[in-house]
Amino acid sequence: MADDNLHDSPIADLLDLHTCTHGQLLALMAELGQPAFRAKQIEDWVWSKGVSSPAEMTNLPKALREALILRTASGGATELGRQASRDGSRKYLLQFKDGAAVECVGMPGPRKLSVCVSSQAGCAMGCVFCATGRSGLVRSLTAGEIYEQVMHVRNDFNTRVTSVVLMGQGEPFANYDETLKALRRLNAPDALNIGARHLTVSTCGLIPQILRFANEPEQFTLAVSLHSTIQKTRNALMPGVRRFSLVHLYAALGEYTDKTGRRPTYEFALIEGINDTDEEIDSLCNFCRGTLCHVNIIQLNEVSGSPFRPSTPERARIFVDRLARVGVEATIRNSRGSDIDAACGQLRQRFIR
């Protein structure tokens, strides 16, 4: 196990420290003539300390650090841009080595830090009011790339992350396996150790994945981008999920709550003259009445060049009041970063054409 054995074997394909399994790292340590506990030390640097370069892993022997530089890759996103809001929120545009770029946001509060991350570079859902939807899908992210966004925000704020929402670019359930890997790593005691109920996945309503999510052992939180409970309107606003009818979505969410006992959140972005009508209020009340759910009323972020405008705060309060009358808890979500490019995809459009 001497350090002078480290360079004896020929260089193989690079092992990505953000995607490799513990077993793969153990195998590399064995190949390099290193004790097994070195694998755990490396994982601690990557997952707990957020270090990407082996050169910074100071409790490893120098020769091992040099070997890791030759034998491994560690991703490493470059910050292309950032914006800071008056409310303390910070938005980042990160670019990975292949050029794919994503956005993430840090939202601080008293004794907490919430982080919103992307699950894909771009998005294929095509929601007409979303800046990301205009650009289409570039590719899905790996679990390591999702995790790395959280670490980037944590390191910039230099404080513990208390909750994470996958509500940035992309449809997390179109990247289901990597999304689950990222959630489990964020939840792991030897990583960021964020409670499962403080890890939220937001989906446009991919029914097969909602049903699959209902059978996962962890108590992760589910949010569903609803935006209308009138089929014609929802089809127009969210063409990427028009194959999943509201009738079947309603049944899938009922099965989810029956199996998990967890309360899903419905996201409803109010768009003036489109989904803020009395007909929409009545339909939403009927959809939610008697079910286990919480409704987040969102005031739409304005996107340059978009024909859609946010509803008034007064209209949002009417939605909350009407839902309360039928026993449904609803809140108006506090809009963070309203003085910067807050909507998903806006910062990317500013830097990447």
Protein backbone atom coordinates (compact mmCIF):
# COMPACT_ATOMS: atom_id res chain seq x y z
CA MET A 1 0.00 0.00 0.00
CA ALA A 2 2.95 2.29 -0.38
CA ASP A 3 2.43 5.58 -2.17
CA ASP A 4 5.05 4.71 -4.82
CA ASN A 5 2.62 2.08 -6.23
CA LEU A 6 0.09 4.74 -7.20
CA HIS A 7 1.24 5.28 -10.76
CA ASP A 8 2.07 1.65 -11.66
CA SER A 9 -1.12 0.91 -13.62
CA PRO A 10 -1.94 2.53 -16.97
CA ILE A 11 -4.42 5.40 -16.98
CA ALA A 12 -7.95 4.10 -17.60
CA ASP A 13 -11.09 6.04 -18.44
CA LEU A 14 -11.60 8.90 -16.03
CA LEU A 15 -13.86 8.10 -13.07
CA ASP A 16 -16.29 10.92 -12.34
CA LEU A 17 -16.28 11.55 -8.60
CA HIS A 18 -19.79 13.03 -8.79
CA THR A 19 -21.37 9.98 -10.42
CA CYS A 20 -19.32 6.96 -9.38
CA THR A 21 -20.59 4.47 -6.82
CA HIS A 22 -18.88 3.70 -3.54
CA GLY A 23 -17.94 0.33 -5.01
CA GLN A 24 -16.23 1.93 -8.00
CA LEU A 25 -14.25 4.21 -5.72
CA LEU A 26 -13.22 1.24 -3.56
CA ALA A 27 -12.05 -0.58 -6.68
CA LEU A 28 -9.96 2.43 -7.70
CA MET A 29 -8.39 2.59 -4.24
CA ALA A 30 -7.53 -1.10 -4.45
CA GLU A 31 -6.01 -0.60 -7.89
CA LEU A 32 -3.94 2.27 -6.57
CA GLY A 33 -2.79 0.25 -3.56
CA GLN A 34 -4.66 2.43 -1.08
CA PRO A 35 -6.64 1.39 2.01
CA ALA A 36 -10.43 1.28 1.70
CA PHE A 37 -10.99 4.14 4.14
CA ARG A 38 -9.56 6.55 1.56
CA ALA A 39 -12.76 6.13 -0.47
CA LYS A 40 -14.81 7.47 2.44
CA GLN A 41 -12.43 10.39 2.84
CA ILE A 42 -12.80 11.28 -0.84
CA GLU A 43 -16.60 11.04 -0.63
CA ASP A 44 -16.55 13.35 2.39
CA TRP A 45 -14.64 15.96 0.39
CA VAL A 46 -17.00 15.68 -2.59
CA TRP A 47 -20.39 15.36 -0.89
CA SER A 48 -19.97 17.15 2.45
CA LYS A 49 -17.32 19.77 1.77
CA GLY A 50 -18.18 20.43 -1.86
CA VAL A 51 -14.60 20.18 -3.07
CA SER A 52 -14.15 19.30 -6.74
CA SER A 53 -10.37 19.16 -7.15
CA PRO A 54 -8.38 16.30 -5.58
CA ALA A 55 -5.59 18.83 -5.03
CA GLU A 56 -7.72 20.34 -2.23
CA MET A 57 -8.24 17.03 -0.40
CA THR A 58 -5.59 17.80 2.16
CA ASN A 59 -5.93 14.69 4.35
CA LEU A 60 -4.96 12.45 1.42
CA PRO A 61 -1.32 11.60 0.70
CA LYS A 62 0.21 13.88 -1.91
CA ALA A 63 0.88 10.98 -4.27
CA LEU A 64 -2.76 9.87 -4.06
CA ARG A 65 -3.95 13.40 -4.81
CA GLU A 66 -1.69 13.45 -7.86
CA ALA A 67 -3.03 10.06 -9.00
CA LEU A 68 -6.63 11.20 -8.56
CA ILE A 69 -5.96 14.26 -10.71
CA LEU A 70 -4.85 11.89 -13.49
CA ARG A 71 -7.47 9.20 -12.98
CA THR A 72 -10.67 11.05 -12.09
CA ALA A 73 -12.97 13.81 -13.25
CA SER A 74 -15.02 15.85 -10.85
CA GLY A 75 -17.39 17.82 -13.00
CA GLY A 76 -17.05 21.31 -11.76
CA ALA A 77 -19.48 23.95 -13.00
CA THR A 78 -18.35 27.42 -13.99
CA GLU A 79 -20.41 30.37 -12.84
CA LEU A 80 -21.28 32.37 -15.95
CA GLY A 81 -23.43 34.94 -14.22
CA ARG A 82 -25.28 35.86 -11.07
CA GLN A 83 -27.78 38.37 -9.81
CA ALA A 84 -28.52 39.46 -6.27
CA SER A 85 -31.96 40.62 -5.16
CA ARG A 86 -32.79 43.25 -2.56
CA ASP A 87 -34.53 40.50 -0.57
CA GLY A 88 -31.25 38.57 -0.25
CA SER A 89 -31.95 35.96 -2.92
CA ARG A 90 -29.17 35.14 -5.37
CA LYS A 91 -29.61 33.60 -8.80
CA TYR A 92 -26.78 31.81 -10.57
CA LEU A 93 -26.14 30.63 -14.11
CA LEU A 94 -23.82 27.63 -14.05
CA GLN A 95 -22.22 25.97 -17.06
CA PHE A 96 -20.93 22.41 -17.15
CA LYS A 97 -17.91 21.26 -19.15
CA ASP A 98 -19.96 20.27 -22.21
CA GLY A 99 -21.46 23.76 -22.43
CA ALA A 100 -24.88 22.91 -20.95
CA ALA A 101 -26.03 25.74 -18.69
CA VAL A 102 -28.59 25.77 -15.87
CA GLU A 103 -29.95 28.15 -13.29
CA CYS A 104 -30.23 27.77 -9.53
CA VAL A 105 -31.37 30.12 -6.78
CA GLY A 106 -30.52 30.59 -3.12
CA MET A 107 -33.26 32.06 -0.91
CA PRO A 108 -32.09 32.88 2.63
CA GLY A 109 -34.31 33.36 5.64
CA PRO A 110 -33.94 33.48 9.41
CA ARG A 111 -31.83 30.43 10.32
CA LYS A 112 -32.55 28.76 6.96
CA LEU A 113 -31.43 28.61 3.35
CA SER A 114 -33.71 27.27 0.63
CA VAL A 115 -32.25 26.33 -2.74
CA CYS A 116 -34.09 25.91 -6.03
CA VAL A 117 -32.25 23.78 -8.59
CA SER A 118 -32.68 22.55 -12.16
CA SER A 119 -33.03 18.90 -13.15
CA GLN A 120 -32.45 19.43 -16.87
CA ALA A 121 -30.70 21.95 -19.11
CA GLY A 122 -33.72 23.38 -20.89
CA CYS A 123 -37.10 21.67 -20.90
CA ALA A 124 -39.23 19.72 -23.37
CA MET A 125 -42.60 20.44 -21.73
CA GLY A 126 -43.15 23.65 -23.69
CA CYS A 127 -45.24 25.52 -21.12
CA VAL A 128 -46.15 28.68 -23.00
CA PHE A 129 -45.64 31.09 -20.08
CA CYS A 130 -42.18 29.75 -19.17
CA ALA A 131 -38.92 31.27 -20.42
CA THR A 132 -37.16 27.88 -20.27
CA GLY A 133 -39.82 26.25 -22.41
CA ARG A 134 -38.96 28.54 -25.31
CA SER A 135 -35.46 27.08 -25.62
CA GLY A 136 -36.38 23.39 -25.66
CA LEU A 137 -34.43 20.58 -24.03
CA VAL A 138 -30.63 20.43 -24.24
CA ARG A 139 -30.09 17.39 -22.02
CA SER A 140 -30.91 15.89 -18.64
CA LEU A 141 -28.54 16.43 -15.73
CA THR A 142 -26.76 13.77 -13.74
CA ALA A 143 -27.46 13.39 -10.03
CA GLY A 144 -24.03 14.88 -9.40
CA GLU A 145 -24.84 17.97 -11.46
CA ILE A 146 -28.10 18.47 -9.58
CA TYR A 147 -26.26 18.08 -6.28
CA GLU A 148 -23.48 20.41 -7.39
CA GLN A 149 -25.94 23.28 -7.81
CA VAL A 150 -26.92 22.93 -4.14
CA MET A 151 -23.27 22.89 -3.10
CA HIS A 152 -22.52 25.97 -5.19
CA VAL A 153 -25.24 27.93 -3.41
CA ARG A 154 -24.28 26.56 0.00
CA ASN A 155 -20.65 27.53 -0.47
CA ASP A 156 -21.55 31.01 -1.74
CA PHE A 157 -23.77 31.72 1.28
CA ASN A 158 -21.42 29.80 3.58
CA THR A 159 -24.36 28.40 5.51
CA ARG A 160 -26.25 25.12 5.85
CA VAL A 161 -28.94 24.35 3.28
CA THR A 162 -32.22 23.53 5.05
CA SER A 163 -34.46 22.75 2.06
CA VAL A 164 -34.20 22.07 -1.67
CA VAL A 165 -36.87 22.32 -4.36
CA LEU A 166 -36.49 20.93 -7.86
CA MET A 167 -38.51 23.72 -9.45
CA GLY A 168 -35.88 25.18 -11.75
CA GLN A 169 -35.31 24.31 -15.38
CA GLY A 170 -36.59 20.98 -16.64
CA GLU A 171 -39.14 18.32 -15.71
CA PRO A 172 -37.63 16.26 -12.84
CA PHE A 173 -39.83 13.25 -13.56
CA ALA A 174 -38.56 13.17 -17.16
CA ASN A 175 -35.18 12.56 -15.50
CA TYR A 176 -36.57 10.32 -12.78
CA ASP A 177 -33.63 8.06 -11.90
CA GLU A 178 -31.05 10.85 -11.61
CA THR A 179 -33.53 13.01 -9.70
CA LEU A 180 -34.04 10.23 -7.13
CA LYS A 181 -30.30 9.68 -6.82
CA ALA A 182 -29.80 13.39 -6.16
CA LEU A 183 -32.59 13.47 -3.56
CA ARG A 184 -31.15 10.48 -1.75
CA ARG A 185 -27.68 12.00 -1.74
CA LEU A 186 -29.05 15.30 -0.38
CA ASN A 187 -30.88 13.31 2.30
CA ALA A 188 -27.90 11.10 3.22
CA PRO A 189 -26.46 11.59 6.73
CA ASP A 190 -22.92 11.50 5.31
CA ALA A 191 -23.75 14.23 2.78
CA LEU A 192 -25.97 17.28 3.38
CA ASN A 193 -28.40 15.40 5.66
CA ILE A 194 -31.46 17.42 4.60
CA GLY A 195 -34.70 15.91 5.89
CA ALA A 196 -36.75 14.11 3.23
CA ARG A 197 -39.81 16.29 3.86
CA HIS A 198 -37.67 19.33 3.06
CA LEU A 199 -36.80 17.96 -0.38
CA THR A 200 -39.49 18.79 -2.94
CA VAL A 201 -39.97 17.62 -6.52
CA SER A 202 -42.18 19.69 -8.82
CA THR A 203 -43.72 17.94 -11.82
CA CYS A 204 -45.99 19.09 -14.62
CA GLY A 205 -48.01 15.95 -13.95
CA LEU A 206 -46.31 12.88 -15.46
CA ILE A 207 -48.69 10.25 -14.15
CA PRO A 208 -46.54 7.08 -14.42
CA GLN A 209 -43.77 8.77 -12.44
CA ILE A 210 -46.20 10.14 -9.83
CA LEU A 211 -47.37 6.57 -9.22
CA ARG A 212 -43.78 5.37 -9.06
CA PHE A 213 -42.91 8.19 -6.65
CA ALA A 214 -45.76 7.04 -4.39
CA ASN A 215 -43.92 3.75 -3.87
CA GLU A 216 -40.55 5.23 -2.89
CA PRO A 217 -39.69 4.59 0.77
CA GLU A 218 -38.63 8.16 1.58
CA GLN A 219 -41.04 10.93 2.54
CA PHE A 220 -40.00 13.36 -0.18
CA THR A 221 -42.52 16.10 -0.94
CA LEU A 222 -44.48 16.27 -4.20
CA ALA A 223 -45.59 19.46 -5.93
CA VAL A 224 -47.68 19.45 -9.10
CA SER A 225 -47.76 22.34 -11.56
CA LEU A 226 -51.49 22.53 -12.15
CA HIS A 227 -52.15 26.04 -13.54
CA SER A 228 -55.65 25.10 -14.67
CA THR A 229 -58.22 22.42 -13.93
CA ILE A 230 -60.09 23.08 -17.15
CA GLN A 231 -58.72 20.61 -19.68
CA LYS A 232 -58.80 22.92 -22.69
CA THR A 233 -56.98 25.69 -20.84
CA ARG A 234 -54.39 23.34 -19.35
CA ASN A 235 -53.70 21.81 -22.77
CA ALA A 236 -53.06 25.27 -24.20
CA LEU A 237 -50.82 26.36 -21.33
CA MET A 238 -48.95 23.06 -20.88
CA PRO A 239 -48.81 21.20 -24.22
CA GLY A 240 -46.13 18.81 -22.98
CA VAL A 241 -48.58 17.02 -20.68
CA ARG A 242 -51.78 17.17 -22.73
CA ARG A 243 -51.64 13.35 -23.08
CA PHE A 244 -52.25 13.11 -19.32
CA SER A 245 -55.87 14.09 -18.73
CA LEU A 246 -56.98 15.87 -15.57
CA VAL A 247 -59.30 12.96 -14.81
CA HIS A 248 -56.37 10.53 -14.74
CA LEU A 249 -54.16 13.04 -12.90
CA TYR A 250 -56.83 13.40 -10.21
CA ALA A 251 -56.95 9.61 -9.80
CA ALA A 252 -53.15 9.32 -9.65
CA LEU A 253 -52.93 12.01 -6.97
CA GLY A 254 -55.61 10.23 -4.97
CA GLU A 255 -53.56 7.04 -5.15
CA TYR A 256 -50.45 9.00 -4.12
CA THR A 257 -52.10 10.39 -0.99
CA ASP A 258 -53.65 7.01 -0.11
CA LYS A 259 -50.28 5.26 -0.29
CA THR A 260 -48.11 7.91 1.32
CA GLY A 261 -50.42 9.88 3.59
CA ARG A 262 -48.51 12.90 2.24
CA ARG A 263 -50.18 16.10 1.12
CA PRO A 264 -49.22 17.22 -2.41
CA THR A 265 -48.93 20.88 -3.24
CA TYR A 266 -50.62 22.27 -6.34
CA GLU A 267 -48.84 25.16 -8.04
CA PHE A 268 -51.20 27.62 -9.74
CA ALA A 269 -49.63 30.62 -11.51
CA LEU A 270 -52.32 33.22 -12.13
CA ILE A 271 -52.31 34.64 -15.66
CA GLU A 272 -54.52 37.64 -16.31
CA GLY A 273 -57.54 36.76 -18.40
CA ILE A 274 -56.44 33.16 -18.94
CA ASN A 275 -56.77 31.12 -15.76
CA ASP A 276 -57.94 33.71 -13.22
CA THR A 277 -61.62 33.71 -14.21
CA ASP A 278 -64.59 32.77 -12.05
CA GLU A 279 -64.94 29.59 -14.10
CA GLU A 280 -61.37 28.67 -13.23
CA ILE A 281 -61.98 29.32 -9.52
CA ASP A 282 -65.06 27.10 -9.53
CA SER A 283 -63.21 24.33 -11.37
CA LEU A 284 -60.21 24.48 -9.04
CA CYS A 285 -62.48 24.31 -5.96
CA ASN A 286 -64.21 21.24 -7.40
CA PHE A 287 -60.86 19.58 -8.17
CA CYS A 288 -59.52 20.13 -4.65
CA ARG A 289 -62.64 19.81 -2.49
CA GLY A 290 -62.48 16.82 -0.13
CA THR A 291 -58.91 15.88 -1.02
CA LEU A 292 -55.62 16.11 0.82
CA CYS A 293 -53.78 19.00 -0.82
CA HIS A 294 -52.38 22.50 -0.44
CA VAL A 295 -52.63 25.12 -3.18
CA ASN A 296 -49.86 27.62 -3.82
CA ILE A 297 -51.20 30.63 -5.69
CA ILE A 298 -48.31 32.15 -7.63
CA GLN A 299 -48.18 35.56 -9.21
CA LEU A 300 -46.65 35.01 -12.62
CA ASN A 301 -43.17 36.36 -13.28
CA GLU A 302 -43.27 38.56 -16.36
CA VAL A 303 -41.05 37.34 -19.21
CA SER A 304 -39.80 39.75 -21.85
CA GLY A 305 -41.66 39.26 -25.12
CA SER A 306 -44.39 37.12 -23.57
CA PRO A 307 -48.05 38.07 -24.12
CA PHE A 308 -48.96 36.80 -20.64
CA ARG A 309 -49.35 39.13 -17.68
CA PRO A 310 -49.75 38.36 -13.98
CA SER A 311 -53.11 38.71 -12.29
CA THR A 312 -53.60 41.33 -9.62
CA PRO A 313 -52.88 40.62 -5.94
CA GLU A 314 -56.60 41.17 -5.30
CA ARG A 315 -57.49 38.37 -7.70
CA ALA A 316 -55.02 36.07 -5.96
CA ARG A 317 -56.70 36.77 -2.62
CA ILE A 318 -60.08 35.88 -4.12
CA PHE A 319 -58.70 32.46 -5.11
CA VAL A 320 -57.43 31.87 -1.57
CA ASP A 321 -60.73 32.94 -0.01
CA ARG A 322 -62.83 30.78 -2.32
CA LEU A 323 -60.68 27.72 -1.70
CA ALA A 324 -60.91 28.29 2.05
CA ARG A 325 -64.72 28.20 1.81
CA VAL A 326 -64.57 24.61 0.53
CA GLY A 327 -62.02 23.57 3.16
CA VAL A 328 -58.88 23.77 1.02
CA GLU A 329 -55.80 25.44 2.47
CA ALA A 330 -54.19 27.87 0.04
CA THR A 331 -51.52 30.52 0.28
CA ILE A 332 -50.13 33.18 -1.98
CA ARG A 333 -46.51 32.26 -2.48
CA ASN A 334 -44.08 34.98 -1.58
CA SER A 335 -42.31 35.97 -4.79
CA ARG A 336 -38.57 36.07 -4.22
CA GLY A 337 -36.19 37.92 -6.51
CA SER A 338 -38.86 40.05 -8.18
CA ASP A 339 -36.28 42.76 -8.93
CA ILE A 340 -34.00 40.38 -10.89
CA ASP A 341 -34.50 37.82 -13.69
CA ALA A 342 -36.56 35.66 -11.37
CA ALA A 343 -38.38 33.40 -13.83
CA CYS A 344 -36.73 30.15 -14.92
CA GLY A 345 -34.69 30.65 -18.06
CA GLN A 346 -34.45 34.44 -17.95
CA LEU A 347 -30.88 34.65 -16.69
CA ARG A 348 -29.79 32.02 -19.23
CA GLN A 349 -31.32 34.07 -22.04
CA ARG A 350 -29.36 37.09 -20.88
CA PHE A 351 -26.00 35.31 -21.12
CA ILE A 352 -26.55 32.63 -23.80
CA ARG A 353 -28.05 33.41 -27.18
